[in-house]
C-alpha atoms as a PDB file:
ATOM      1  CA  MET A   1      78.762  36.483 -25.250  1.00  0.00           C
ATOM      2  CA  ASN A   2      82.564  36.597 -25.142  1.00  0.00           C
ATOM      3  CA  VAL A   3      84.827  39.028 -26.100  1.00  0.00           C
ATOM      4  CA  ASP A   4      88.702  38.912 -26.001  1.00  0.00           C
ATOM      5  CA  GLY A   5      91.039  41.741 -24.579  1.00  0.00           C
ATOM      6  CA  GLN A   6      92.129  42.625 -28.790  1.00  0.00           C
ATOM      7  CA  GLU A   7      88.253  42.155 -29.995  1.00  0.00           C
ATOM      8  CA  PHE A   8      87.775  45.171 -27.602  1.00  0.00           C
ATOM      9  CA  ILE A   9      90.724  47.432 -27.599  1.00  0.00           C
ATOM     10  CA  SER A  10      89.368  47.211 -31.604  1.00  0.00           C
ATOM     11  CA  ALA A  11      85.758  48.702 -30.540  1.00  0.00           C
ATOM     12  CA  MET A  12      87.029  51.277 -28.316  1.00  0.00           C
ATOM     13  CA  SER A  13      89.595  52.095 -30.329  1.00  0.00           C
ATOM     14  CA  ALA A  14      86.864  52.848 -33.557  1.00  0.00           C
ATOM     15  CA  ILE A  15      84.618  54.587 -31.239  1.00  0.00           C
ATOM     16  CA  GLY A  16      87.369  57.108 -29.600  1.00  0.00           C
ATOM     17  CA  ALA A  17      88.183  57.767 -33.593  1.00  0.00           C
ATOM     18  CA  GLY A  18      84.195  58.583 -34.362  1.00  0.00           C
ATOM     19  CA  LEU A  19      84.726  61.387 -31.182  1.00  0.00           C
ATOM     20  CA  ALA A  20      87.983  62.611 -32.500  1.00  0.00           C
ATOM     21  CA  MET A  21      86.433  63.328 -35.608  1.00  0.00           C
ATOM     22  CA  ILE A  22      83.935  65.255 -33.918  1.00  0.00           C
ATOM     23  CA  ALA A  23      86.570  67.812 -33.366  1.00  0.00           C
ATOM     24  CA  GLY A  24      85.959  68.931 -36.777  1.00  0.00           C
ATOM     25  CA  VAL A  25      82.989  70.315 -36.992  1.00  0.00           C
ATOM     26  CA  GLY A  26      84.055  73.337 -34.916  1.00  0.00           C
ATOM     27  CA  PRO A  27      86.830  74.605 -37.139  1.00  0.00           C
ATOM     28  CA  GLY A  28      84.639  74.273 -40.091  1.00  0.00           C
ATOM     29  CA  ILE A  29      81.399  76.604 -38.581  1.00  0.00           C
ATOM     30  CA  GLY A  30      84.527  78.823 -37.017  1.00  0.00           C
ATOM     31  CA  GLN A  31      86.064  78.848 -40.544  1.00  0.00           C
ATOM     32  CA  GLY A  32      82.624  79.986 -41.861  1.00  0.00           C
ATOM     33  CA  TYR A  33      81.735  82.637 -39.775  1.00  0.00           C
ATOM     34  CA  ALA A  34      85.339  84.111 -40.105  1.00  0.00           C
ATOM     35  CA  ALA A  35      85.035  83.919 -43.660  1.00  0.00           C
ATOM     36  CA  GLY A  36      81.606  84.811 -44.178  1.00  0.00           C
ATOM     37  CA  GLN A  37      82.877  88.467 -41.593  1.00  0.00           C
ATOM     38  CA  ALA A  38      85.723  88.770 -44.095  1.00  0.00           C
ATOM     39  CA  ALA A  39      83.123  89.121 -47.090  1.00  0.00           C
ATOM     40  CA  ALA A  40      80.992  91.833 -45.214  1.00  0.00           C
ATOM     41  CA  ALA A  41      83.834  93.759 -44.380  1.00  0.00           C
ATOM     42  CA  VAL A  42      85.560  93.918 -47.468  1.00  0.00           C
ATOM     43  CA  GLY A  43      82.310  94.923 -48.822  1.00  0.00           C
ATOM     44  CA  ARG A  44      81.746  97.938 -46.551  1.00  0.00           C
ATOM     45  CA  ASN A  45      85.754  98.990 -46.942  1.00  0.00           C
ATOM     46  CA  PRO A  46      86.983  97.307 -50.444  1.00  0.00           C
ATOM     47  CA  GLY A  47      90.128  99.617 -49.626  1.00  0.00           C
ATOM     48  CA  ALA A  48      90.935  97.389 -46.990  1.00  0.00           C
ATOM     49  CA  LYS A  49      90.873  93.760 -48.643  1.00  0.00           C
ATOM     50  CA  SER A  50      94.589  92.536 -48.766  1.00  0.00           C
ATOM     51  CA  ASP A  51      94.815  93.709 -44.553  1.00  0.00           C
ATOM     52  CA  ILE A  52      91.287  92.267 -43.819  1.00  0.00           C
ATOM     53  CA  THR A  53      92.201  88.541 -45.803  1.00  0.00           C
ATOM     54  CA  SER A  54      95.593  88.288 -44.710  1.00  0.00           C
ATOM     55  CA  THR A  55      94.242  88.171 -41.024  1.00  0.00           C
ATOM     56  CA  MET A  56      91.348  86.200 -42.013  1.00  0.00           C
ATOM     57  CA  LEU A  57      93.617  83.266 -43.578  1.00  0.00           C
ATOM     58  CA  LEU A  58      95.715  83.356 -40.213  1.00  0.00           C
ATOM     59  CA  GLY A  59      93.063  83.130 -38.370  1.00  0.00           C
ATOM     60  CA  GLN A  60      91.397  80.465 -40.042  1.00  0.00           C
ATOM     61  CA  ALA A  61      95.100  78.618 -40.576  1.00  0.00           C
ATOM     62  CA  VAL A  62      95.015  78.549 -36.118  1.00  0.00           C
ATOM     63  CA  ALA A  63      91.731  77.026 -36.115  1.00  0.00           C
ATOM     64  CA  GLU A  64      92.039  74.845 -38.427  1.00  0.00           C
ATOM     65  CA  THR A  65      94.811  73.176 -36.375  1.00  0.00           C
ATOM     66  CA  THR A  66      92.150  71.567 -34.073  1.00  0.00           C
ATOM     67  CA  GLY A  67      90.707  69.982 -36.662  1.00  0.00           C
ATOM     68  CA  LEU A  68      93.920  68.271 -38.184  1.00  0.00           C
ATOM     69  CA  TYR A  69      94.517  67.143 -34.530  1.00  0.00           C
ATOM     70  CA  GLY A  70      91.375  65.712 -34.258  1.00  0.00           C
ATOM     71  CA  PHE A  71      92.295  64.014 -37.932  1.00  0.00           C
ATOM     72  CA  ALA A  72      95.914  62.102 -36.502  1.00  0.00           C
ATOM     73  CA  VAL A  73      94.244  60.932 -32.827  1.00  0.00           C
ATOM     74  CA  ALA A  74      91.575  59.165 -35.518  1.00  0.00           C
ATOM     75  CA  ILE A  75      93.795  57.833 -37.468  1.00  0.00           C
ATOM     76  CA  ILE A  76      96.189  56.959 -34.735  1.00  0.00           C
ATOM     77  CA  LEU A  77      93.431  55.077 -33.018  1.00  0.00           C
ATOM     78  CA  MET A  78      92.649  53.387 -36.556  1.00  0.00           C
ATOM     79  CA  PHE A  79      96.118  51.949 -37.807  1.00  0.00           C
ATOM     80  CA  VAL A  80      98.582  52.046 -34.796  1.00  0.00           C
ATOM     81  CA  LYS A  81      97.962  48.888 -32.982  1.00  0.00           C
ATOM     82  CA  PRO A  82      97.781  49.362 -29.084  1.00  0.00           C
ATOM     83  CA  PHE A  83      99.325  45.648 -28.448  1.00  0.00           C
END
């Protein structure tokens, strides 16, 4: 079985893109946990709803950047030709 350089690079790019998409698991779990804790906090103290919501959304936006970076790397690996 002979594999030339271009086929090998394409295969490794596909494997790398799949591994990069694993980066989406962490933000999903973290954001779900943050939303659950924020809902519990609002249930305990409804008067602080706006402060809790704004803090939660800021934290989720920061956490989402990790998933977006992983997605960007996967797209680059799949669609940008290295050679």
